[in-house]
Amino acid sequence: MQGKFRFDYDYAEDSLFMYNEKKKSGGSVELGELVIDLDRAGNVAALEISGASKYLSELTGRKLSRAQLKKMDEAAITVNAKKGTIIIKIFLPIENEKVPATIAVQNMNYNSPALAHA
């Protein structure tokens, strides 16, 4: 799945909310600073990142400031489900460049055959 996600960035809280306007959340998974909203089919509908400038700086290997995040209003995102993992790639538009940030999380809808035999 690929699409453009809108950005809402709270400069004071350094909190970034990215959402697909065409998707509706059916539930959320919280993983530390990251909250992933999934629709009823298990597709990513939204992402929220607390401490976004530090979190994204660590993911990209580039120092990202709150001022840079405040300027963004959308990003391209790809989501690929691989067996037990969801791979989310965010392409951040920074200084005329698409800076990639990759997040891998457990696919909550995946039933492992190994665990079924345990």
PDB file of N, CA and C in Angstrom:
ATOM      1  N   MET A   1       0.841  -1.171   0.000  1.00  0.00           N
ATOM      2  CA  MET A   1       0.000   0.000   0.000  1.00  0.00           C
ATOM      3  C   MET A   1       0.890   1.239   0.000  1.00  0.00           C
ATOM      4  N   GLN A   2       0.486   2.193  -0.771  1.00  0.00           N
ATOM      5  CA  GLN A   2       1.249   3.432  -0.852  1.00  0.00           C
ATOM      6  C   GLN A   2       0.261   4.579  -0.857  1.00  0.00           C
ATOM      7  N   GLY A   3       0.657   5.698  -0.299  1.00  0.00           N
ATOM      8  CA  GLY A   3      -0.239   6.837  -0.330  1.00  0.00           C
ATOM      9  C   GLY A   3       0.357   8.049   0.338  1.00  0.00           C
ATOM     10  N   LYS A   4      -0.357   9.135   0.186  1.00  0.00           N
ATOM     11  CA  LYS A   4       0.053  10.374   0.824  1.00  0.00           C
ATOM     12  C   LYS A   4      -0.683  10.498   2.145  1.00  0.00           C
ATOM     13  N   PHE A   5       0.057  10.807   3.155  1.00  0.00           N
ATOM     14  CA  PHE A   5      -0.516  10.991   4.465  1.00  0.00           C
ATOM     15  C   PHE A   5      -0.381  12.465   4.836  1.00  0.00           C
ATOM     16  N   ARG A   6      -1.404  13.016   5.412  1.00  0.00           N
ATOM     17  CA  ARG A   6      -1.384  14.393   5.898  1.00  0.00           C
ATOM     18  C   ARG A   6      -0.602  14.434   7.211  1.00  0.00           C
ATOM     19  N   PHE A   7      -0.060  15.597   7.511  1.00  0.00           N
ATOM     20  CA  PHE A   7       0.710  15.814   8.738  1.00  0.00           C
ATOM     21  C   PHE A   7       0.003  16.808   9.628  1.00  0.00           C
ATOM     22  N   ASP A   8      -0.046  16.515  10.894  1.00  0.00           N
ATOM     23  CA  ASP A   8      -0.385  17.496  11.923  1.00  0.00           C
ATOM     24  C   ASP A   8       0.768  17.428  12.916  1.00  0.00           C
ATOM     25  N   TYR A   9       1.456  18.534  13.082  1.00  0.00           N
ATOM     26  CA  TYR A   9       2.611  18.558  13.979  1.00  0.00           C
ATOM     27  C   TYR A   9       2.368  19.576  15.078  1.00  0.00           C
ATOM     28  N   ASP A  10       2.499  19.137  16.328  1.00  0.00           N
ATOM     29  CA  ASP A  10       2.395  20.011  17.494  1.00  0.00           C
ATOM     30  C   ASP A  10       3.816  20.374  17.903  1.00  0.00           C
ATOM     31  N   TYR A  11       4.206  21.604  17.571  1.00  0.00           N
ATOM     32  CA  TYR A  11       5.573  22.080  17.817  1.00  0.00           C
ATOM     33  C   TYR A  11       5.906  22.043  19.307  1.00  0.00           C
ATOM     34  N   ALA A  12       5.007  22.527  20.157  1.00  0.00           N
ATOM     35  CA  ALA A  12       5.267  22.608  21.600  1.00  0.00           C
ATOM     36  C   ALA A  12       5.475  21.225  22.215  1.00  0.00           C
ATOM     37  N   GLU A  13       4.688  20.249  21.781  1.00  0.00           N
ATOM     38  CA  GLU A  13       4.777  18.887  22.327  1.00  0.00           C
ATOM     39  C   GLU A  13       5.725  17.989  21.539  1.00  0.00           C
ATOM     40  N   ASP A  14       6.195  18.463  20.374  1.00  0.00           N
ATOM     41  CA  ASP A  14       7.028  17.668  19.469  1.00  0.00           C
ATOM     42  C   ASP A  14       6.342  16.342  19.156  1.00  0.00           C
ATOM     43  N   SER A  15       5.051  16.452  18.821  1.00  0.00           N
ATOM     44  CA  SER A  15       4.231  15.285  18.515  1.00  0.00           C
ATOM     45  C   SER A  15       3.763  15.368  17.067  1.00  0.00           C
ATOM     46  N   LEU A  16       3.982  14.290  16.315  1.00  0.00           N
ATOM     47  CA  LEU A  16       3.629  14.255  14.904  1.00  0.00           C
ATOM     48  C   LEU A  16       2.525  13.240  14.678  1.00  0.00           C
ATOM     49  N   PHE A  17       1.471  13.663  13.995  1.00  0.00           N
ATOM     50  CA  PHE A  17       0.359  12.781  13.662  1.00  0.00           C
ATOM     51  C   PHE A  17       0.238  12.751  12.147  1.00  0.00           C
ATOM     52  N   MET A  18       0.380  11.566  11.556  1.00  0.00           N
ATOM     53  CA  MET A  18       0.264  11.377  10.115  1.00  0.00           C
ATOM     54  C   MET A  18      -0.948  10.498   9.871  1.00  0.00           C
ATOM     55  N   TYR A  19      -1.805  10.900   8.932  1.00  0.00           N
ATOM     56  CA  TYR A  19      -3.022  10.142   8.721  1.00  0.00           C
ATOM     57  C   TYR A  19      -3.434  10.145   7.254  1.00  0.00           C
ATOM     58  N   ASN A  20      -4.080   9.067   6.861  1.00  0.00           N
ATOM     59  CA  ASN A  20      -4.639   8.936   5.532  1.00  0.00           C
ATOM     60  C   ASN A  20      -6.104   9.345   5.639  1.00  0.00           C
ATOM     61  N   GLU A  21      -6.476  10.406   4.954  1.00  0.00           N
ATOM     62  CA  GLU A  21      -7.831  10.936   5.053  1.00  0.00           C
ATOM     63  C   GLU A  21      -8.891   9.948   4.570  1.00  0.00           C
ATOM     64  N   LYS A  22      -8.493   8.964   3.789  1.00  0.00           N
ATOM     65  CA  LYS A  22      -9.445   8.001   3.235  1.00  0.00           C
ATOM     66  C   LYS A  22      -9.665   6.784   4.128  1.00  0.00           C
ATOM     67  N   LYS A  23      -8.899   6.672   5.201  1.00  0.00           N
ATOM     68  CA  LYS A  23      -9.001   5.506   6.077  1.00  0.00           C
ATOM     69  C   LYS A  23      -9.551   5.902   7.444  1.00  0.00           C
ATOM     70  N   LYS A  24     -10.266   4.976   8.066  1.00  0.00           N
ATOM     71  CA  LYS A  24     -10.835   5.204   9.392  1.00  0.00           C
ATOM     72  C   LYS A  24     -10.238   4.196  10.376  1.00  0.00           C
ATOM     73  N   SER A  25      -9.824   4.675  11.522  1.00  0.00           N
ATOM     74  CA  SER A  25      -9.202   3.809  12.520  1.00  0.00           C
ATOM     75  C   SER A  25     -10.208   2.823  13.105  1.00  0.00           C
ATOM     76  N   GLY A  26      -9.766   1.568  13.200  1.00  0.00           N
ATOM     77  CA  GLY A  26     -10.560   0.539  13.850  1.00  0.00           C
ATOM     78  C   GLY A  26      -9.933   0.086  15.155  1.00  0.00           C
ATOM     79  N   GLY A  27      -8.754   0.629  15.477  1.00  0.00           N
ATOM     80  CA  GLY A  27      -8.047   0.277  16.701  1.00  0.00           C
ATOM     81  C   GLY A  27      -6.606   0.739  16.627  1.00  0.00           C
ATOM     82  N   SER A  28      -5.945   0.760  17.770  1.00  0.00           N
ATOM     83  CA  SER A  28      -4.579   1.275  17.849  1.00  0.00           C
ATOM     84  C   SER A  28      -3.657   0.294  18.543  1.00  0.00           C
ATOM     85  N   VAL A  29      -2.375   0.395  18.169  1.00  0.00           N
ATOM     86  CA  VAL A  29      -1.316  -0.370  18.824  1.00  0.00           C
ATOM     87  C   VAL A  29      -0.280   0.655  19.277  1.00  0.00           C
ATOM     88  N   GLU A  30       0.078   0.625  20.569  1.00  0.00           N
ATOM     89  CA  GLU A  30       1.070   1.557  21.109  1.00  0.00           C
ATOM     90  C   GLU A  30       2.381   0.829  21.337  1.00  0.00           C
ATOM     91  N   LEU A  31       3.461   1.405  20.781  1.00  0.00           N
ATOM     92  CA  LEU A  31       4.800   0.836  20.913  1.00  0.00           C
ATOM     93  C   LEU A  31       5.749   1.953  21.334  1.00  0.00           C
ATOM     94  N   GLY A  32       5.810   2.234  22.610  1.00  0.00           N
ATOM     95  CA  GLY A  32       6.661   3.315  23.095  1.00  0.00           C
ATOM     96  C   GLY A  32       6.173   4.659  22.593  1.00  0.00           C
ATOM     97  N   GLU A  33       7.040   5.369  21.862  1.00  0.00           N
ATOM     98  CA  GLU A  33       6.694   6.687  21.333  1.00  0.00           C
ATOM     99  C   GLU A  33       5.791   6.615  20.111  1.00  0.00           C
ATOM    100  N   LEU A  34       5.563   5.432  19.593  1.00  0.00           N
ATOM    101  CA  LEU A  34       4.824   5.238  18.349  1.00  0.00           C
ATOM    102  C   LEU A  34       3.449   4.641  18.622  1.00  0.00           C
ATOM    103  N   VAL A  35       2.413   5.256  18.035  1.00  0.00           N
ATOM    104  CA  VAL A  35       1.056   4.699  18.070  1.00  0.00           C
ATOM    105  C   VAL A  35       0.628   4.502  16.621  1.00  0.00           C
ATOM    106  N   ILE A  36       0.208   3.284  16.295  1.00  0.00           N
ATOM    107  CA  ILE A  36      -0.236   2.967  14.942  1.00  0.00           C
ATOM    108  C   ILE A  36      -1.732   2.696  14.982  1.00  0.00           C
ATOM    109  N   ASP A  37      -2.490   3.441  14.180  1.00  0.00           N
ATOM    110  CA  ASP A  37      -3.922   3.200  14.032  1.00  0.00           C
ATOM    111  C   ASP A  37      -4.129   2.323  12.805  1.00  0.00           C
ATOM    112  N   LEU A  38      -4.890   1.256  12.979  1.00  0.00           N
ATOM    113  CA  LEU A  38      -5.185   0.339  11.881  1.00  0.00           C
ATOM    114  C   LEU A  38      -6.673   0.390  11.563  1.00  0.00           C
ATOM    115  N   ASP A  39      -7.005   0.249  10.277  1.00  0.00           N
ATOM    116  CA  ASP A  39      -8.417   0.154   9.931  1.00  0.00           C
ATOM    117  C   ASP A  39      -8.875  -1.276  10.207  1.00  0.00           C
ATOM    118  N   ARG A  40     -10.139  -1.577   9.965  1.00  0.00           N
ATOM    119  CA  ARG A  40     -10.679  -2.908  10.290  1.00  0.00           C
ATOM    120  C   ARG A  40     -10.028  -4.028   9.477  1.00  0.00           C
ATOM    121  N   ALA A  41      -9.452  -3.690   8.322  1.00  0.00           N
ATOM    122  CA  ALA A  41      -8.775  -4.692   7.488  1.00  0.00           C
ATOM    123  C   ALA A  41      -7.313  -4.885   7.891  1.00  0.00           C
ATOM    124  N   GLY A  42      -6.829  -4.116   8.882  1.00  0.00           N
ATOM    125  CA  GLY A  42      -5.444  -4.235   9.327  1.00  0.00           C
ATOM    126  C   GLY A  42      -4.479  -3.337   8.599  1.00  0.00           C
ATOM    127  N   ASN A  43      -4.992  -2.416   7.769  1.00  0.00           N
ATOM    128  CA  ASN A  43      -4.138  -1.463   7.062  1.00  0.00           C
ATOM    129  C   ASN A  43      -3.833  -0.260   7.941  1.00  0.00           C
ATOM    130  N   VAL A  44      -2.667   0.334   7.752  1.00  0.00           N
ATOM    131  CA  VAL A  44      -2.283   1.500   8.537  1.00  0.00           C
ATOM    132  C   VAL A  44      -3.135   2.702   8.111  1.00  0.00           C
ATOM    133  N   ALA A  45      -3.856   3.273   9.069  1.00  0.00           N
ATOM    134  CA  ALA A  45      -4.697   4.448   8.829  1.00  0.00           C
ATOM    135  C   ALA A  45      -4.009   5.714   9.322  1.00  0.00           C
ATOM    136  N   ALA A  46      -3.188   5.583  10.368  1.00  0.00           N
ATOM    137  CA  ALA A  46      -2.523   6.749  10.937  1.00  0.00           C
ATOM    138  C   ALA A  46      -1.343   6.310  11.802  1.00  0.00           C
ATOM    139  N   LEU A  47      -0.415   7.245  12.003  1.00  0.00           N
ATOM    140  CA  LEU A  47       0.731   7.052  12.899  1.00  0.00           C
ATOM    141  C   LEU A  47       0.853   8.289  13.774  1.00  0.00           C
ATOM    142  N   GLU A  48       1.161   8.089  15.021  1.00  0.00           N
ATOM    143  CA  GLU A  48       1.463   9.211  15.903  1.00  0.00           C
ATOM    144  C   GLU A  48       2.811   8.951  16.555  1.00  0.00           C
ATOM    145  N   ILE A  49       3.680   9.962  16.512  1.00  0.00           N
ATOM    146  CA  ILE A  49       5.016   9.825  17.091  1.00  0.00           C
ATOM    147  C   ILE A  49       5.218  10.922  18.121  1.00  0.00           C
ATOM    148  N   SER A  50       5.438  10.521  19.380  1.00  0.00           N
ATOM    149  CA  SER A  50       5.782  11.465  20.448  1.00  0.00           C
ATOM    150  C   SER A  50       7.296  11.665  20.412  1.00  0.00           C
ATOM    151  N   GLY A  51       7.745  12.881  20.722  1.00  0.00           N
ATOM    152  CA  GLY A  51       9.183  13.151  20.633  1.00  0.00           C
ATOM    153  C   GLY A  51       9.666  12.961  19.210  1.00  0.00           C
ATOM    154  N   ALA A  52       8.888  13.459  18.257  1.00  0.00           N
ATOM    155  CA  ALA A  52       9.090  13.168  16.832  1.00  0.00           C
ATOM    156  C   ALA A  52      10.454  13.592  16.297  1.00  0.00           C
ATOM    157  N   SER A  53      10.957  14.755  16.682  1.00  0.00           N
ATOM    158  CA  SER A  53      12.238  15.203  16.116  1.00  0.00           C
ATOM    159  C   SER A  53      13.362  14.251  16.513  1.00  0.00           C
ATOM    160  N   LYS A  54      13.390  13.807  17.750  1.00  0.00           N
ATOM    161  CA  LYS A  54      14.427  12.864  18.199  1.00  0.00           C
ATOM    162  C   LYS A  54      14.212  11.476  17.583  1.00  0.00           C
ATOM    163  N   TYR A  55      12.965  11.000  17.601  1.00  0.00           N
ATOM    164  CA  TYR A  55      12.638   9.674  17.067  1.00  0.00           C
ATOM    165  C   TYR A  55      13.004   9.576  15.593  1.00  0.00           C
ATOM    166  N   LEU A  56      12.587  10.570  14.803  1.00  0.00           N
ATOM    167  CA  LEU A  56      12.870  10.542  13.368  1.00  0.00           C
ATOM    168  C   LEU A  56      14.340  10.807  13.063  1.00  0.00           C
ATOM    169  N   SER A  57      15.012  11.583  13.905  1.00  0.00           N
ATOM    170  CA  SER A  57      16.453  11.785  13.734  1.00  0.00           C
ATOM    171  C   SER A  57      17.192  10.458  13.892  1.00  0.00           C
ATOM    172  N   GLU A  58      16.780   9.659  14.870  1.00  0.00           N
ATOM    173  CA  GLU A  58      17.404   8.356  15.090  1.00  0.00           C
ATOM    174  C   GLU A  58      17.119   7.396  13.923  1.00  0.00           C
ATOM    175  N   LEU A  59      15.895   7.438  13.384  1.00  0.00           N
ATOM    176  CA  LEU A  59      15.547   6.553  12.266  1.00  0.00           C
ATOM    177  C   LEU A  59      16.265   6.917  10.973  1.00  0.00           C
ATOM    178  N   THR A  60      16.424   8.207  10.725  1.00  0.00           N
ATOM    179  CA  THR A  60      17.005   8.656   9.454  1.00  0.00           C
ATOM    180  C   THR A  60      18.512   8.834   9.498  1.00  0.00           C
ATOM    181  N   GLY A  61      19.068   8.980  10.695  1.00  0.00           N
ATOM    182  CA  GLY A  61      20.500   9.256  10.807  1.00  0.00           C
ATOM    183  C   GLY A  61      20.831  10.711  10.489  1.00  0.00           C
ATOM    184  N   ARG A  62      19.798  11.551  10.441  1.00  0.00           N
ATOM    185  CA  ARG A  62      19.961  12.988  10.185  1.00  0.00           C
ATOM    186  C   ARG A  62      19.332  13.770  11.320  1.00  0.00           C
ATOM    187  N   LYS A  63      19.959  14.863  11.680  1.00  0.00           N
ATOM    188  CA  LYS A  63      19.403  15.722  12.725  1.00  0.00           C
ATOM    189  C   LYS A  63      18.200  16.456  12.148  1.00  0.00           C
ATOM    190  N   LEU A  64      17.011  16.140  12.660  1.00  0.00           N
ATOM    191  CA  LEU A  64      15.783  16.801  12.228  1.00  0.00           C
ATOM    192  C   LEU A  64      15.294  17.706  13.346  1.00  0.00           C
ATOM    193  N   SER A  65      15.022  18.942  13.010  1.00  0.00           N
ATOM    194  CA  SER A  65      14.589  19.907  14.021  1.00  0.00           C
ATOM    195  C   SER A  65      13.072  20.020  14.048  1.00  0.00           C
ATOM    196  N   ARG A  66      12.575  20.574  15.120  1.00  0.00           N
ATOM    197  CA  ARG A  66      11.148  20.860  15.220  1.00  0.00           C
ATOM    198  C   ARG A  66      10.722  21.827  14.119  1.00  0.00           C
ATOM    199  N   ALA A  67      11.581  22.779  13.797  1.00  0.00           N
ATOM    200  CA  ALA A  67      11.259  23.757  12.752  1.00  0.00           C
ATOM    201  C   ALA A  67      11.075  23.059  11.402  1.00  0.00           C
ATOM    202  N   GLN A  68      11.910  22.066  11.098  1.00  0.00           N
ATOM    203  CA  GLN A  68      11.776  21.325   9.837  1.00  0.00           C
ATOM    204  C   GLN A  68      10.468  20.535   9.808  1.00  0.00           C
ATOM    205  N   LEU A  69      10.125  19.897  10.920  1.00  0.00           N
ATOM    206  CA  LEU A  69       8.893  19.129  10.981  1.00  0.00           C
ATOM    207  C   LEU A  69       7.671  20.041  10.878  1.00  0.00           C
ATOM    208  N   LYS A  70       7.763  21.231  11.441  1.00  0.00           N
ATOM    209  CA  LYS A  70       6.648  22.173  11.407  1.00  0.00           C
ATOM    210  C   LYS A  70       6.322  22.599   9.971  1.00  0.00           C
ATOM    211  N   LYS A  71       7.315  22.639   9.093  1.00  0.00           N
ATOM    212  CA  LYS A  71       7.118  23.056   7.706  1.00  0.00           C
ATOM    213  C   LYS A  71       6.420  21.997   6.851  1.00  0.00           C
ATOM    214  N   MET A  72       6.436  20.734   7.265  1.00  0.00           N
ATOM    215  CA  MET A  72       5.867  19.655   6.459  1.00  0.00           C
ATOM    216  C   MET A  72       4.357  19.621   6.583  1.00  0.00           C
ATOM    217  N   ASP A  73       3.693  19.297   5.465  1.00  0.00           N
ATOM    218  CA  ASP A  73       2.251  19.127   5.528  1.00  0.00           C
ATOM    219  C   ASP A  73       1.790  17.785   4.959  1.00  0.00           C
ATOM    220  N   GLU A  74       2.704  17.041   4.345  1.00  0.00           N
ATOM    221  CA  GLU A  74       2.380  15.701   3.887  1.00  0.00           C
ATOM    222  C   GLU A  74       3.669  14.915   3.651  1.00  0.00           C
ATOM    223  N   ALA A  75       3.515  13.594   3.607  1.00  0.00           N
ATOM    224  CA  ALA A  75       4.656  12.721   3.323  1.00  0.00           C
ATOM    225  C   ALA A  75       4.147  11.522   2.545  1.00  0.00           C
ATOM    226  N   ALA A  76       5.019  10.932   1.757  1.00  0.00           N
ATOM    227  CA  ALA A  76       4.678   9.687   1.077  1.00  0.00           C
ATOM    228  C   ALA A  76       5.013   8.547   2.029  1.00  0.00           C
ATOM    229  N   ILE A  77       4.129   7.584   2.095  1.00  0.00           N
ATOM    230  CA  ILE A  77       4.329   6.444   2.987  1.00  0.00           C
ATOM    231  C   ILE A  77       4.014   5.173   2.215  1.00  0.00           C
ATOM    232  N   THR A  78       4.881   4.169   2.380  1.00  0.00           N
ATOM    233  CA  THR A  78       4.587   2.841   1.857  1.00  0.00           C
ATOM    234  C   THR A  78       4.480   1.888   3.033  1.00  0.00           C
ATOM    235  N   VAL A  79       3.561   0.943   2.923  1.00  0.00           N
ATOM    236  CA  VAL A  79       3.365  -0.051   3.971  1.00  0.00           C
ATOM    237  C   VAL A  79       3.339  -1.415   3.305  1.00  0.00           C
ATOM    238  N   ASN A  80       4.212  -2.312   3.765  1.00  0.00           N
ATOM    239  CA  ASN A  80       4.265  -3.674   3.245  1.00  0.00           C
ATOM    240  C   ASN A  80       4.124  -4.652   4.403  1.00  0.00           C
ATOM    241  N   ALA A  81       3.191  -5.576   4.266  1.00  0.00           N
ATOM    242  CA  ALA A  81       3.014  -6.617   5.280  1.00  0.00           C
ATOM    243  C   ALA A  81       3.771  -7.851   4.828  1.00  0.00           C
ATOM    244  N   LYS A  82       4.678  -8.312   5.663  1.00  0.00           N
ATOM    245  CA  LYS A  82       5.466  -9.522   5.412  1.00  0.00           C
ATOM    246  C   LYS A  82       5.199 -10.474   6.568  1.00  0.00           C
ATOM    247  N   LYS A  83       4.583 -11.580   6.302  1.00  0.00           N
ATOM    248  CA  LYS A  83       4.264 -12.567   7.338  1.00  0.00           C
ATOM    249  C   LYS A  83       4.011 -11.904   8.685  1.00  0.00           C
ATOM    250  N   GLY A  84       4.960 -11.934   9.589  1.00  0.00           N
ATOM    251  CA  GLY A  84       4.764 -11.413  10.937  1.00  0.00           C
ATOM    252  C   GLY A  84       5.195  -9.977  11.140  1.00  0.00           C
ATOM    253  N   THR A  85       5.511  -9.243  10.066  1.00  0.00           N
ATOM    254  CA  THR A  85       6.040  -7.888  10.207  1.00  0.00           C
ATOM    255  C   THR A  85       5.330  -6.913   9.272  1.00  0.00           C
ATOM    256  N   ILE A  86       5.089  -5.720   9.759  1.00  0.00           N
ATOM    257  CA  ILE A  86       4.615  -4.618   8.922  1.00  0.00           C
ATOM    258  C   ILE A  86       5.784  -3.655   8.788  1.00  0.00           C
ATOM    259  N   ILE A  87       6.170  -3.354   7.551  1.00  0.00           N
ATOM    260  CA  ILE A  87       7.278  -2.437   7.291  1.00  0.00           C
ATOM    261  C   ILE A  87       6.689  -1.128   6.780  1.00  0.00           C
ATOM    262  N   ILE A  88       6.920  -0.065   7.534  1.00  0.00           N
ATOM    263  CA  ILE A  88       6.402   1.262   7.189  1.00  0.00           C
ATOM    264  C   ILE A  88       7.586   2.125   6.788  1.00  0.00           C
ATOM    265  N   LYS A  89       7.548   2.661   5.563  1.00  0.00           N
ATOM    266  CA  LYS A  89       8.582   3.584   5.103  1.00  0.00           C
ATOM    267  C   LYS A  89       7.941   4.951   4.930  1.00  0.00           C
ATOM    268  N   ILE A  90       8.492   5.917   5.637  1.00  0.00           N
ATOM    269  CA  ILE A  90       8.026   7.298   5.549  1.00  0.00           C
ATOM    270  C   ILE A  90       9.076   8.067   4.758  1.00  0.00           C
ATOM    271  N   PHE A  91       8.654   8.792   3.753  1.00  0.00           N
ATOM    272  CA  PHE A  91       9.562   9.620   2.973  1.00  0.00           C
ATOM    273  C   PHE A  91       9.277  11.075   3.318  1.00  0.00           C
ATOM    274  N   LEU A  92      10.155  11.647   4.149  1.00  0.00           N
ATOM    275  CA  LEU A  92       9.969  13.000   4.671  1.00  0.00           C
ATOM    276  C   LEU A  92      10.514  14.037   3.703  1.00  0.00           C
ATOM    277  N   PRO A  93       9.683  15.002   3.297  1.00  0.00           N
ATOM    278  CA  PRO A  93      10.163  16.054   2.386  1.00  0.00           C
ATOM    279  C   PRO A  93      10.962  17.107   3.154  1.00  0.00           C
ATOM    280  N   ILE A  94      12.289  16.978   3.115  1.00  0.00           N
ATOM    281  CA  ILE A  94      13.168  17.882   3.845  1.00  0.00           C
ATOM    282  C   ILE A  94      14.187  18.470   2.883  1.00  0.00           C
ATOM    283  N   GLU A  95      14.196  19.796   2.806  1.00  0.00           N
ATOM    284  CA  GLU A  95      15.169  20.523   1.981  1.00  0.00           C
ATOM    285  C   GLU A  95      15.280  19.931   0.575  1.00  0.00           C
ATOM    286  N   ASN A  96      14.162  19.866  -0.136  1.00  0.00           N
ATOM    287  CA  ASN A  96      14.101  19.379  -1.515  1.00  0.00           C
ATOM    288  C   ASN A  96      14.581  17.936  -1.681  1.00  0.00           C
ATOM    289  N   GLU A  97      14.455  17.156  -0.651  1.00  0.00           N
ATOM    290  CA  GLU A  97      14.893  15.761  -0.664  1.00  0.00           C
ATOM    291  C   GLU A  97      13.823  14.918   0.015  1.00  0.00           C
ATOM    292  N   LYS A  98      13.673  13.669  -0.399  1.00  0.00           N
ATOM    293  CA  LYS A  98      12.760  12.733   0.265  1.00  0.00           C
ATOM    294  C   LYS A  98      13.600  11.849   1.180  1.00  0.00           C
ATOM    295  N   VAL A  99      13.627  12.171   2.461  1.00  0.00           N
ATOM    296  CA  VAL A  99      14.446  11.461   3.434  1.00  0.00           C
ATOM    297  C   VAL A  99      13.650  10.260   3.961  1.00  0.00           C
ATOM    298  N   PRO A 100      14.181   9.024   3.755  1.00  0.00           N
ATOM    299  CA  PRO A 100      13.442   7.845   4.214  1.00  0.00           C
ATOM    300  C   PRO A 100      13.651   7.549   5.696  1.00  0.00           C
ATOM    301  N   ALA A 101      12.559   7.123   6.334  1.00  0.00           N
ATOM    302  CA  ALA A 101      12.593   6.626   7.707  1.00  0.00           C
ATOM    303  C   ALA A 101      11.815   5.316   7.700  1.00  0.00           C
ATOM    304  N   THR A 102      12.426   4.238   8.169  1.00  0.00           N
ATOM    305  CA  THR A 102      11.795   2.920   8.118  1.00  0.00           C
ATOM    306  C   THR A 102      11.467   2.434   9.527  1.00  0.00           C
ATOM    307  N   ILE A 103      10.239   1.955   9.681  1.00  0.00           N
ATOM    308  CA  ILE A 103       9.754   1.416  10.952  1.00  0.00           C
ATOM    309  C   ILE A 103       9.251   0.001  10.685  1.00  0.00           C
ATOM    310  N   ALA A 104       9.681  -0.953  11.466  1.00  0.00           N
ATOM    311  CA  ALA A 104       9.192  -2.333  11.349  1.00  0.00           C
ATOM    312  C   ALA A 104       8.528  -2.712  12.665  1.00  0.00           C
ATOM    313  N   VAL A 105       7.294  -3.207  12.572  1.00  0.00           N
ATOM    314  CA  VAL A 105       6.546  -3.611  13.766  1.00  0.00           C
ATOM    315  C   VAL A 105       5.898  -4.966  13.520  1.00  0.00           C
ATOM    316  N   GLN A 106       5.531  -5.609  14.598  1.00  0.00           N
ATOM    317  CA  GLN A 106       4.878  -6.906  14.497  1.00  0.00           C
ATOM    318  C   GLN A 106       3.496  -6.753  13.874  1.00  0.00           C
ATOM    319  N   ASN A 107       3.165  -7.640  12.936  1.00  0.00           N
ATOM    320  CA  ASN A 107       1.837  -7.672  12.331  1.00  0.00           C
ATOM    321  C   ASN A 107       0.903  -8.410  13.278  1.00  0.00           C
ATOM    322  N   MET A 108      -0.005  -7.659  13.892  1.00  0.00           N
ATOM    323  CA  MET A 108      -0.891  -8.243  14.899  1.00  0.00           C
ATOM    324  C   MET A 108      -1.906  -9.228  14.299  1.00  0.00           C
ATOM    325  N   ASN A 109      -2.117  -9.169  12.990  1.00  0.00           N
ATOM    326  CA  ASN A 109      -3.087 -10.060  12.326  1.00  0.00           C
ATOM    327  C   ASN A 109      -2.456 -11.370  11.854  1.00  0.00           C
ATOM    328  N   TYR A 110      -1.146 -11.533  12.048  1.00  0.00           N
ATOM    329  CA  TYR A 110      -0.454 -12.711  11.550  1.00  0.00           C
ATOM    330  C   TYR A 110      -0.466 -13.813  12.602  1.00  0.00           C
ATOM    331  N   ASN A 111      -0.912 -14.998  12.212  1.00  0.00           N
ATOM    332  CA  ASN A 111      -0.896 -16.167  13.097  1.00  0.00           C
ATOM    333  C   ASN A 111       0.292 -17.030  12.716  1.00  0.00           C
ATOM    334  N   SER A 112       1.285 -17.046  13.574  1.00  0.00           N
ATOM    335  CA  SER A 112       2.504 -17.794  13.295  1.00  0.00           C
ATOM    336  C   SER A 112       2.234 -19.301  13.355  1.00  0.00           C
ATOM    337  N   PRO A 113       2.641 -20.026  12.309  1.00  0.00           N
ATOM    338  CA  PRO A 113       2.492 -21.490  12.363  1.00  0.00           C
ATOM    339  C   PRO A 113       3.370 -22.104  13.446  1.00  0.00           C
ATOM    340  N   ALA A 114       4.481 -21.470  13.762  1.00  0.00           N
ATOM    341  CA  ALA A 114       5.368 -21.995  14.800  1.00  0.00           C
ATOM    342  C   ALA A 114       4.685 -21.926  16.165  1.00  0.00           C
ATOM    343  N   LEU A 115       3.960 -20.837  16.416  1.00  0.00           N
ATOM    344  CA  LEU A 115       3.266 -20.703  17.705  1.00  0.00           C
ATOM    345  C   LEU A 115       2.035 -21.607  17.770  1.00  0.00           C
ATOM    346  N   ALA A 116       1.460 -21.928  16.639  1.00  0.00           N
ATOM    347  CA  ALA A 116       0.277 -22.796  16.610  1.00  0.00           C
ATOM    348  C   ALA A 116       0.618 -24.206  17.087  1.00  0.00           C
ATOM    349  N   HIS A 117       1.885 -24.618  16.917  1.00  0.00           N
ATOM    350  CA  HIS A 117       2.323 -25.956  17.321  1.00  0.00           C
ATOM    351  C   HIS A 117       2.961 -25.991  18.696  1.00  0.00           C
ATOM    352  N   ALA A 118       3.043 -24.842  19.338  1.00  0.00           N
ATOM    353  CA  ALA A 118       3.705 -24.795  20.653  1.00  0.00           C
ATOM    354  C   ALA A 118       2.776 -25.274  21.745  1.00  0.00           C
TER     355      ALA A 118
END
